[in-house]
């Protein structure tokens, strides 16, 4: 009888541990980041730039809901070609941050006016939004109205 109890106890332990493993490792549906978990601020970008003049470009990412932008993971901002404006750099990354290691990273560069008129600066970006338990790559697109004055 003792032998049968030992066998049952031995068999029951691995099955219990195996069944518990996938449940604890499975992500909860709420563990996914959405666009509600951050804001993008372009208010530091010049609304007006003179032809042959310069203006600032600024894009700040502010995480919300206890999330953070990963301080070392890739952060990429691309300014789409525009006939009225030319950025000093079209592809921006961590080396273009206003302040290294900031909790709200802000990417900056200079815009140069090329052709007069109202235009829309299109920007694509990608970065990693994280909690203590996971990180997720986020992608977004922003449109910024700018007037290039003669």
C-alpha atoms as a PDB file:
ATOM      1  CA  UNK A   1       0.000   0.000   0.000  1.00  0.00           C
ATOM      2  CA  UNK A   2       2.819   2.383   0.811  1.00  0.00           C
ATOM      3  CA  UNK A   3       4.326   1.756  -2.578  1.00  0.00           C
ATOM      4  CA  UNK A   4       1.081   2.625  -4.395  1.00  0.00           C
ATOM      5  CA  UNK A   5       0.761   5.905  -2.481  1.00  0.00           C
ATOM      6  CA  UNK A   6       4.297   6.903  -3.345  1.00  0.00           C
ATOM      7  CA  UNK A   7       3.696   6.272  -7.026  1.00  0.00           C
ATOM      8  CA  UNK A   8       0.467   8.294  -7.025  1.00  0.00           C
ATOM      9  CA  UNK A   9       2.128  11.206  -5.193  1.00  0.00           C
ATOM     10  CA  UNK A  10       5.091  11.133  -7.573  1.00  0.00           C
ATOM     11  CA  UNK A  11       2.839  11.161 -10.647  1.00  0.00           C
ATOM     12  CA  UNK A  12       0.553  13.891  -9.284  1.00  0.00           C
ATOM     13  CA  UNK A  13       3.352  16.388  -8.609  1.00  0.00           C
ATOM     14  CA  UNK A  14       4.700  16.649 -12.169  1.00  0.00           C
ATOM     15  CA  UNK A  15       1.190  16.922 -13.641  1.00  0.00           C
ATOM     16  CA  UNK A  16       0.280  19.755 -11.255  1.00  0.00           C
ATOM     17  CA  UNK A  17       3.498  21.637 -11.995  1.00  0.00           C
ATOM     18  CA  UNK A  18       3.103  21.167 -15.750  1.00  0.00           C
ATOM     19  CA  UNK A  19      -0.486  22.385 -15.687  1.00  0.00           C
ATOM     20  CA  UNK A  20       0.422  25.492 -13.655  1.00  0.00           C
ATOM     21  CA  UNK A  21       3.306  26.526 -15.894  1.00  0.00           C
ATOM     22  CA  UNK A  22       1.410  27.587 -19.028  1.00  0.00           C
ATOM     23  CA  UNK A  23      -1.212  29.449 -17.001  1.00  0.00           C
ATOM     24  CA  UNK A  24       1.352  31.619 -15.189  1.00  0.00           C
ATOM     25  CA  UNK A  25       3.298  32.307 -18.397  1.00  0.00           C
ATOM     26  CA  UNK A  26       0.266  33.224 -20.503  1.00  0.00           C
ATOM     27  CA  UNK A  27      -0.107  36.992 -21.040  1.00  0.00           C
ATOM     28  CA  UNK A  28      -3.305  38.660 -19.955  1.00  0.00           C
ATOM     29  CA  UNK A  29      -5.265  40.482 -22.683  1.00  0.00           C
ATOM     30  CA  UNK A  30      -4.745  43.806 -20.840  1.00  0.00           C
ATOM     31  CA  UNK A  31      -0.962  43.400 -21.157  1.00  0.00           C
ATOM     32  CA  UNK A  32      -0.871  44.965 -24.623  1.00  0.00           C
ATOM     33  CA  UNK A  33       0.028  48.573 -25.215  1.00  0.00           C
ATOM     34  CA  UNK A  34      -2.273  50.767 -27.288  1.00  0.00           C
ATOM     35  CA  UNK A  35      -2.135  54.337 -28.563  1.00  0.00           C
ATOM     36  CA  UNK A  36      -3.926  55.324 -25.348  1.00  0.00           C
ATOM     37  CA  UNK A  37      -0.712  54.495 -23.452  1.00  0.00           C
ATOM     38  CA  UNK A  38       1.271  57.455 -24.841  1.00  0.00           C
ATOM     39  CA  UNK A  39       0.892  60.916 -26.346  1.00  0.00           C
ATOM     40  CA  UNK A  40       2.897  62.563 -29.095  1.00  0.00           C
ATOM     41  CA  UNK A  41       3.622  66.272 -28.724  1.00  0.00           C
ATOM     42  CA  UNK A  42       4.784  68.296 -31.731  1.00  0.00           C
ATOM     43  CA  UNK A  43       4.108  71.739 -30.221  1.00  0.00           C
ATOM     44  CA  UNK A  44       7.854  72.475 -30.296  1.00  0.00           C
ATOM     45  CA  UNK A  45       7.826  72.299 -34.105  1.00  0.00           C
ATOM     46  CA  UNK A  46       7.793  75.665 -35.896  1.00  0.00           C
ATOM     47  CA  UNK A  47       4.391  76.504 -37.377  1.00  0.00           C
ATOM     48  CA  UNK A  48       6.040  78.977 -39.783  1.00  0.00           C
ATOM     49  CA  UNK A  49       9.405  78.829 -41.545  1.00  0.00           C
ATOM     50  CA  UNK A  50      10.738  81.344 -44.059  1.00  0.00           C
ATOM     51  CA  UNK A  51      12.042  80.227 -47.454  1.00  0.00           C
ATOM     52  CA  UNK A  52      15.815  79.779 -46.993  1.00  0.00           C
ATOM     53  CA  UNK A  53      15.217  80.127 -43.251  1.00  0.00           C
ATOM     54  CA  UNK A  54      15.261  77.578 -40.460  1.00  0.00           C
ATOM     55  CA  UNK A  55      12.750  76.361 -37.896  1.00  0.00           C
ATOM     56  CA  UNK A  56      12.713  73.733 -35.182  1.00  0.00           C
ATOM     57  CA  UNK A  57      11.341  70.209 -35.439  1.00  0.00           C
ATOM     58  CA  UNK A  58      10.421  68.524 -32.165  1.00  0.00           C
ATOM     59  CA  UNK A  59       8.559  65.303 -31.385  1.00  0.00           C
ATOM     60  CA  UNK A  60       8.101  64.305 -27.741  1.00  0.00           C
ATOM     61  CA  UNK A  61       6.801  60.901 -26.615  1.00  0.00           C
ATOM     62  CA  UNK A  62       5.042  60.924 -23.236  1.00  0.00           C
ATOM     63  CA  UNK A  63       4.183  57.468 -21.866  1.00  0.00           C
ATOM     64  CA  UNK A  64       1.031  57.053 -19.740  1.00  0.00           C
ATOM     65  CA  UNK A  65      -0.676  54.419 -17.581  1.00  0.00           C
ATOM     66  CA  UNK A  66       2.514  53.316 -15.820  1.00  0.00           C
ATOM     67  CA  UNK A  67       4.339  52.499 -19.062  1.00  0.00           C
ATOM     68  CA  UNK A  68       7.763  53.824 -20.125  1.00  0.00           C
ATOM     69  CA  UNK A  69       9.715  54.250 -23.326  1.00  0.00           C
ATOM     70  CA  UNK A  70      12.595  51.771 -23.229  1.00  0.00           C
ATOM     71  CA  UNK A  71      15.789  53.826 -22.755  1.00  0.00           C
ATOM     72  CA  UNK A  72      18.032  51.578 -24.907  1.00  0.00           C
ATOM     73  CA  UNK A  73      15.759  49.945 -27.491  1.00  0.00           C
ATOM     74  CA  UNK A  74      15.626  51.388 -31.011  1.00  0.00           C
ATOM     75  CA  UNK A  75      13.733  54.647 -31.422  1.00  0.00           C
ATOM     76  CA  UNK A  76      13.265  55.752 -35.028  1.00  0.00           C
ATOM     77  CA  UNK A  77      11.645  58.887 -36.433  1.00  0.00           C
ATOM     78  CA  UNK A  78      11.484  59.445 -40.198  1.00  0.00           C
ATOM     79  CA  UNK A  79      10.418  62.708 -41.824  1.00  0.00           C
ATOM     80  CA  UNK A  80       8.770  61.940 -45.173  1.00  0.00           C
ATOM     81  CA  UNK A  81      10.053  63.915 -48.203  1.00  0.00           C
ATOM     82  CA  UNK A  82       8.296  67.269 -48.529  1.00  0.00           C
ATOM     83  CA  UNK A  83       8.751  69.783 -51.389  1.00  0.00           C
ATOM     84  CA  UNK A  84       8.389  72.808 -49.083  1.00  0.00           C
ATOM     85  CA  UNK A  85      10.628  71.715 -46.188  1.00  0.00           C
ATOM     86  CA  UNK A  86      13.894  69.853 -45.868  1.00  0.00           C
ATOM     87  CA  UNK A  87      15.033  68.503 -42.501  1.00  0.00           C
ATOM     88  CA  UNK A  88      18.702  68.663 -41.519  1.00  0.00           C
ATOM     89  CA  UNK A  89      18.312  64.891 -40.967  1.00  0.00           C
ATOM     90  CA  UNK A  90      15.518  62.834 -42.463  1.00  0.00           C
ATOM     91  CA  UNK A  91      16.029  59.764 -40.227  1.00  0.00           C
ATOM     92  CA  UNK A  92      16.329  60.490 -36.529  1.00  0.00           C
ATOM     93  CA  UNK A  93      17.123  58.219 -33.603  1.00  0.00           C
ATOM     94  CA  UNK A  94      18.548  58.137 -30.093  1.00  0.00           C
ATOM     95  CA  UNK A  95      21.515  60.299 -31.116  1.00  0.00           C
ATOM     96  CA  UNK A  96      19.023  63.084 -31.929  1.00  0.00           C
ATOM     97  CA  UNK A  97      17.390  63.177 -28.490  1.00  0.00           C
ATOM     98  CA  UNK A  98      17.297  66.564 -26.808  1.00  0.00           C
ATOM     99  CA  UNK A  99      18.155  64.943 -23.458  1.00  0.00           C
ATOM    100  CA  UNK A 100      19.674  61.455 -23.249  1.00  0.00           C
ATOM    101  CA  UNK A 101      17.899  59.154 -20.782  1.00  0.00           C
ATOM    102  CA  UNK A 102      14.799  61.357 -20.430  1.00  0.00           C
ATOM    103  CA  UNK A 103      11.585  59.621 -19.319  1.00  0.00           C
ATOM    104  CA  UNK A 104       9.796  61.560 -22.070  1.00  0.00           C
ATOM    105  CA  UNK A 105      12.179  61.341 -25.046  1.00  0.00           C
ATOM    106  CA  UNK A 106      12.158  64.331 -27.392  1.00  0.00           C
ATOM    107  CA  UNK A 107      13.689  64.024 -30.862  1.00  0.00           C
ATOM    108  CA  UNK A 108      14.841  67.311 -32.418  1.00  0.00           C
ATOM    109  CA  UNK A 109      16.315  68.596 -35.674  1.00  0.00           C
ATOM    110  CA  UNK A 110      16.195  71.680 -37.895  1.00  0.00           C
ATOM    111  CA  UNK A 111      13.794  72.289 -40.787  1.00  0.00           C
ATOM    112  CA  UNK A 112      14.803  74.471 -43.736  1.00  0.00           C
ATOM    113  CA  UNK A 113      12.231  76.306 -45.848  1.00  0.00           C
ATOM    114  CA  UNK A 114      12.528  75.460 -49.555  1.00  0.00           C
ATOM    115  CA  UNK A 115       9.291  76.439 -51.301  1.00  0.00           C
ATOM    116  CA  UNK A 116       6.596  78.857 -50.099  1.00  0.00           C
ATOM    117  CA  UNK A 117       3.074  77.805 -49.183  1.00  0.00           C
ATOM    118  CA  UNK A 118       1.101  75.747 -46.702  1.00  0.00           C
ATOM    119  CA  UNK A 119       2.330  72.183 -46.353  1.00  0.00           C
ATOM    120  CA  UNK A 120       1.973  69.176 -44.094  1.00  0.00           C
ATOM    121  CA  UNK A 121       5.034  67.562 -42.589  1.00  0.00           C
ATOM    122  CA  UNK A 122       4.496  63.798 -42.362  1.00  0.00           C
ATOM    123  CA  UNK A 123       6.425  61.858 -39.747  1.00  0.00           C
ATOM    124  CA  UNK A 124       6.552  58.133 -38.995  1.00  0.00           C
ATOM    125  CA  UNK A 125       7.958  56.767 -35.768  1.00  0.00           C
ATOM    126  CA  UNK A 126       8.621  53.541 -33.954  1.00  0.00           C
ATOM    127  CA  UNK A 127       9.741  52.912 -30.378  1.00  0.00           C
ATOM    128  CA  UNK A 128       9.352  50.371 -27.573  1.00  0.00           C
ATOM    129  CA  UNK A 129       6.791  50.927 -24.823  1.00  0.00           C
ATOM    130  CA  UNK A 130       7.367  48.825 -21.699  1.00  0.00           C
ATOM    131  CA  UNK A 131       6.173  47.818 -18.253  1.00  0.00           C
ATOM    132  CA  UNK A 132       8.264  45.948 -15.697  1.00  0.00           C
ATOM    133  CA  UNK A 133       7.079  42.658 -17.243  1.00  0.00           C
ATOM    134  CA  UNK A 134       7.144  43.253 -21.038  1.00  0.00           C
ATOM    135  CA  UNK A 135       8.023  45.561 -23.949  1.00  0.00           C
ATOM    136  CA  UNK A 136       6.105  46.138 -27.154  1.00  0.00           C
ATOM    137  CA  UNK A 137       7.128  47.870 -30.379  1.00  0.00           C
ATOM    138  CA  UNK A 138       4.824  50.769 -31.192  1.00  0.00           C
ATOM    139  CA  UNK A 139       4.455  52.470 -34.584  1.00  0.00           C
ATOM    140  CA  UNK A 140       2.631  55.696 -35.328  1.00  0.00           C
ATOM    141  CA  UNK A 141       2.283  58.499 -37.865  1.00  0.00           C
ATOM    142  CA  UNK A 142       1.947  62.238 -37.255  1.00  0.00           C
ATOM    143  CA  UNK A 143       1.017  65.098 -39.584  1.00  0.00           C
ATOM    144  CA  UNK A 144       2.135  68.611 -38.709  1.00  0.00           C
ATOM    145  CA  UNK A 145       0.858  71.679 -40.606  1.00  0.00           C
ATOM    146  CA  UNK A 146       3.636  74.170 -41.435  1.00  0.00           C
ATOM    147  CA  UNK A 147       3.514  77.360 -43.486  1.00  0.00           C
ATOM    148  CA  UNK A 148       6.611  78.212 -45.495  1.00  0.00           C
ATOM    149  CA  UNK A 149       6.656  81.983 -45.966  1.00  0.00           C
ATOM    150  CA  UNK A 150       8.188  83.756 -48.977  1.00  0.00           C
END
